[in-house]
Amino acid sequence: MGIEQSISFASNSLPSWVALKGFLDQHGFPVQLRMIDGELAFPDEVPADTWRELRVGTPAGMVTMRRDSDRLVLVTWGNADPSLLQAWNVLVWAAAELGDGRIGSPNGVVTAADFRRAADLPAVLRRET
């Protein structure tokens, strides 16, 4: 069973895969594609703008990104270890940051900046201010 976090965006502001990957690379958190819409992908492959589901490989494991018209849902395993939960949080934060999204959290709807301050993130992202 999986656990999920969702991000809502204003119309047409979902970040592209290229922008998200570049942003994470700049922050020292490399990611690679594993699957695009249920099909195996090359790690450096770029999905079409119409993708519906990406499987993203992180240093700690895989996170699934599902896209609706104005929303992303990020899913990982319900029994994920702490490092995979941190990776999941990184993807949520980065997507919200790039697209000025609002994250649904147990404490209500929060901005990317508020999420980053409260979320458990890997050390590479906690070092930054």
C-alpha atoms as a PDB file:
ATOM      1  CA  MET A   1       0.000   0.000   0.000  1.00  0.00           C
ATOM      2  CA  GLY A   2       1.227   3.490  -0.796  1.00  0.00           C
ATOM      3  CA  ILE A   3       1.168   6.856   0.883  1.00  0.00           C
ATOM      4  CA  GLU A   4       0.693  10.074  -1.018  1.00  0.00           C
ATOM      5  CA  GLN A   5       1.102  13.821  -0.928  1.00  0.00           C
ATOM      6  CA  SER A   6      -0.561  16.156  -3.414  1.00  0.00           C
ATOM      7  CA  ILE A   7       0.265  19.544  -4.860  1.00  0.00           C
ATOM      8  CA  SER A   8      -2.293  21.843  -6.480  1.00  0.00           C
ATOM      9  CA  PHE A   9      -1.198  24.349  -9.114  1.00  0.00           C
ATOM     10  CA  ALA A  10      -2.709  27.326 -10.838  1.00  0.00           C
ATOM     11  CA  SER A  11      -3.692  26.554 -14.405  1.00  0.00           C
ATOM     12  CA  ASN A  12      -0.759  25.599 -16.653  1.00  0.00           C
ATOM     13  CA  SER A  13       1.898  25.983 -13.946  1.00  0.00           C
ATOM     14  CA  LEU A  14       2.905  22.343 -13.412  1.00  0.00           C
ATOM     15  CA  PRO A  15       6.671  22.181 -13.781  1.00  0.00           C
ATOM     16  CA  SER A  16       8.130  20.187 -16.649  1.00  0.00           C
ATOM     17  CA  TRP A  17      10.251  17.102 -16.000  1.00  0.00           C
ATOM     18  CA  VAL A  18      13.296  18.873 -17.465  1.00  0.00           C
ATOM     19  CA  ALA A  19      12.847  21.839 -15.102  1.00  0.00           C
ATOM     20  CA  LEU A  20      12.281  19.576 -12.085  1.00  0.00           C
ATOM     21  CA  LYS A  21      15.308  17.397 -12.800  1.00  0.00           C
ATOM     22  CA  GLY A  22      17.514  20.436 -13.439  1.00  0.00           C
ATOM     23  CA  PHE A  23      16.351  22.100 -10.224  1.00  0.00           C
ATOM     24  CA  LEU A  24      17.073  18.980  -8.168  1.00  0.00           C
ATOM     25  CA  ASP A  25      20.458  18.497  -9.839  1.00  0.00           C
ATOM     26  CA  GLN A  26      21.361  22.088  -8.892  1.00  0.00           C
ATOM     27  CA  HIS A  27      20.427  21.311  -5.294  1.00  0.00           C
ATOM     28  CA  GLY A  28      22.639  18.209  -5.184  1.00  0.00           C
ATOM     29  CA  PHE A  29      19.773  15.716  -5.304  1.00  0.00           C
ATOM     30  CA  PRO A  30      20.050  13.632  -8.494  1.00  0.00           C
ATOM     31  CA  VAL A  31      17.005  11.823  -9.885  1.00  0.00           C
ATOM     32  CA  GLN A  32      16.441   9.613 -12.930  1.00  0.00           C
ATOM     33  CA  LEU A  33      13.396   8.412 -14.786  1.00  0.00           C
ATOM     34  CA  ARG A  34      12.619   4.707 -14.520  1.00  0.00           C
ATOM     35  CA  MET A  35       9.195   4.565 -16.208  1.00  0.00           C
ATOM     36  CA  ILE A  36       6.944   6.854 -18.241  1.00  0.00           C
ATOM     37  CA  ASP A  37       3.241   6.000 -18.354  1.00  0.00           C
ATOM     38  CA  GLY A  38       3.874   2.355 -17.505  1.00  0.00           C
ATOM     39  CA  GLU A  39       6.719   1.870 -19.993  1.00  0.00           C
ATOM     40  CA  LEU A  40      10.383   1.440 -19.096  1.00  0.00           C
ATOM     41  CA  ALA A  41      12.412   4.588 -19.710  1.00  0.00           C
ATOM     42  CA  PHE A  42      16.063   5.371 -20.222  1.00  0.00           C
ATOM     43  CA  PRO A  43      17.434   7.322 -17.228  1.00  0.00           C
ATOM     44  CA  ASP A  44      18.035  10.426 -19.370  1.00  0.00           C
ATOM     45  CA  GLU A  45      14.825  10.149 -21.389  1.00  0.00           C
ATOM     46  CA  VAL A  46      12.526  13.177 -21.519  1.00  0.00           C
ATOM     47  CA  PRO A  47       8.808  12.397 -21.302  1.00  0.00           C
ATOM     48  CA  ALA A  48       6.307  13.967 -23.683  1.00  0.00           C
ATOM     49  CA  ASP A  49       4.444  16.978 -22.287  1.00  0.00           C
ATOM     50  CA  THR A  50       1.359  14.763 -22.040  1.00  0.00           C
ATOM     51  CA  TRP A  51       2.795  12.263 -19.525  1.00  0.00           C
ATOM     52  CA  ARG A  52       0.378  10.984 -16.875  1.00  0.00           C
ATOM     53  CA  GLU A  53       2.674   8.953 -14.581  1.00  0.00           C
ATOM     54  CA  LEU A  54       6.408   8.948 -13.965  1.00  0.00           C
ATOM     55  CA  ARG A  55       8.407   6.553 -11.827  1.00  0.00           C
ATOM     56  CA  VAL A  56      11.341   8.530 -10.479  1.00  0.00           C
ATOM     57  CA  GLY A  57      14.479   6.894  -9.145  1.00  0.00           C
ATOM     58  CA  THR A  58      16.083   8.741  -6.224  1.00  0.00           C
ATOM     59  CA  PRO A  59      19.218   7.844  -4.253  1.00  0.00           C
ATOM     60  CA  ALA A  60      16.916   6.198  -1.669  1.00  0.00           C
ATOM     61  CA  GLY A  61      14.382   4.444  -3.912  1.00  0.00           C
ATOM     62  CA  MET A  62      11.463   5.093  -6.222  1.00  0.00           C
ATOM     63  CA  VAL A  63       8.673   7.667  -6.044  1.00  0.00           C
ATOM     64  CA  THR A  64       5.680   7.743  -8.386  1.00  0.00           C
ATOM     65  CA  MET A  65       4.427  11.057  -9.754  1.00  0.00           C
ATOM     66  CA  ARG A  66       0.864  11.115 -11.129  1.00  0.00           C
ATOM     67  CA  ARG A  67      -0.393  14.145 -12.982  1.00  0.00           C
ATOM     68  CA  ASP A  68      -3.885  15.566 -13.369  1.00  0.00           C
ATOM     69  CA  SER A  69      -4.663  18.814 -15.154  1.00  0.00           C
ATOM     70  CA  ASP A  70      -3.738  21.065 -12.222  1.00  0.00           C
ATOM     71  CA  ARG A  71      -2.399  18.651  -9.629  1.00  0.00           C
ATOM     72  CA  LEU A  72       0.473  16.281  -8.921  1.00  0.00           C
ATOM     73  CA  VAL A  73       0.163  13.336  -6.582  1.00  0.00           C
ATOM     74  CA  LEU A  74       3.437  11.831  -5.330  1.00  0.00           C
ATOM     75  CA  VAL A  75       3.260   8.282  -4.016  1.00  0.00           C
ATOM     76  CA  THR A  76       5.734   6.030  -2.252  1.00  0.00           C
ATOM     77  CA  TRP A  77       5.582   2.818  -0.244  1.00  0.00           C
ATOM     78  CA  GLY A  78       3.689   2.859   3.037  1.00  0.00           C
ATOM     79  CA  ASN A  79       6.605   1.033   4.668  1.00  0.00           C
ATOM     80  CA  ALA A  80       9.252   3.372   3.199  1.00  0.00           C
ATOM     81  CA  ASP A  81      12.387   3.847   5.276  1.00  0.00           C
ATOM     82  CA  PRO A  82      13.327   7.333   6.518  1.00  0.00           C
ATOM     83  CA  SER A  83      15.652   8.074   3.579  1.00  0.00           C
ATOM     84  CA  LEU A  84      12.937   7.270   1.019  1.00  0.00           C
ATOM     85  CA  LEU A  85      10.459   9.449   2.920  1.00  0.00           C
ATOM     86  CA  GLN A  86      13.001  12.268   2.740  1.00  0.00           C
ATOM     87  CA  ALA A  87      13.372  11.743  -1.021  1.00  0.00           C
ATOM     88  CA  TRP A  88       9.586  11.818  -1.383  1.00  0.00           C
ATOM     89  CA  ASN A  89       9.521  15.118   0.535  1.00  0.00           C
ATOM     90  CA  VAL A  90      12.245  16.541  -1.720  1.00  0.00           C
ATOM     91  CA  LEU A  91      10.214  15.814  -4.860  1.00  0.00           C
ATOM     92  CA  VAL A  92       7.086  17.323  -3.294  1.00  0.00           C
ATOM     93  CA  TRP A  93       8.952  20.467  -2.228  1.00  0.00           C
ATOM     94  CA  ALA A  94      10.776  20.898  -5.555  1.00  0.00           C
ATOM     95  CA  ALA A  95       7.649  20.517  -7.700  1.00  0.00           C
ATOM     96  CA  ALA A  96       5.718  22.961  -5.515  1.00  0.00           C
ATOM     97  CA  GLU A  97       8.621  25.417  -5.498  1.00  0.00           C
ATOM     98  CA  LEU A  98       8.979  25.397  -9.291  1.00  0.00           C
ATOM     99  CA  GLY A  99       5.265  25.676 -10.042  1.00  0.00           C
ATOM    100  CA  ASP A 100       4.230  27.866  -7.096  1.00  0.00           C
ATOM    101  CA  GLY A 101       2.055  24.986  -5.950  1.00  0.00           C
ATOM    102  CA  ARG A 102       0.187  24.469  -2.706  1.00  0.00           C
ATOM    103  CA  ILE A 103       0.828  21.252  -0.804  1.00  0.00           C
ATOM    104  CA  GLY A 104      -1.917  19.456   1.065  1.00  0.00           C
ATOM    105  CA  SER A 105      -0.467  18.529   4.455  1.00  0.00           C
ATOM    106  CA  PRO A 106      -1.802  17.253   7.782  1.00  0.00           C
ATOM    107  CA  ASN A 107      -1.595  20.877   8.955  1.00  0.00           C
ATOM    108  CA  GLY A 108      -3.626  22.199   6.029  1.00  0.00           C
ATOM    109  CA  VAL A 109      -2.512  23.667   2.736  1.00  0.00           C
ATOM    110  CA  VAL A 110       1.039  25.052   2.797  1.00  0.00           C
ATOM    111  CA  THR A 111       3.445  26.791   0.438  1.00  0.00           C
ATOM    112  CA  ALA A 112       6.687  25.202  -0.746  1.00  0.00           C
ATOM    113  CA  ALA A 113       8.677  27.432   1.625  1.00  0.00           C
ATOM    114  CA  ASP A 114       6.560  26.422   4.630  1.00  0.00           C
ATOM    115  CA  PHE A 115       6.772  22.759   3.631  1.00  0.00           C
ATOM    116  CA  ARG A 116      10.560  22.950   3.335  1.00  0.00           C
ATOM    117  CA  ARG A 117      10.876  24.420   6.829  1.00  0.00           C
ATOM    118  CA  ALA A 118       8.726  21.679   8.380  1.00  0.00           C
ATOM    119  CA  ALA A 119       9.498  18.588   6.280  1.00  0.00           C
ATOM    120  CA  ASP A 120      12.127  15.957   6.982  1.00  0.00           C
ATOM    121  CA  LEU A 121      14.646  16.504   4.173  1.00  0.00           C
ATOM    122  CA  PRO A 122      18.081  15.012   3.427  1.00  0.00           C
ATOM    123  CA  ALA A 123      21.114  16.833   4.804  1.00  0.00           C
ATOM    124  CA  VAL A 124      22.032  18.227   1.368  1.00  0.00           C
ATOM    125  CA  LEU A 125      18.849  20.336   1.465  1.00  0.00           C
ATOM    126  CA  ARG A 126      18.862  21.161   5.171  1.00  0.00           C
ATOM    127  CA  ARG A 127      22.214  22.957   4.746  1.00  0.00           C
ATOM    128  CA  GLU A 128      20.683  25.639   2.571  1.00  0.00           C
ATOM    129  CA  THR A 129      18.837  28.635   3.920  1.00  0.00           C
END
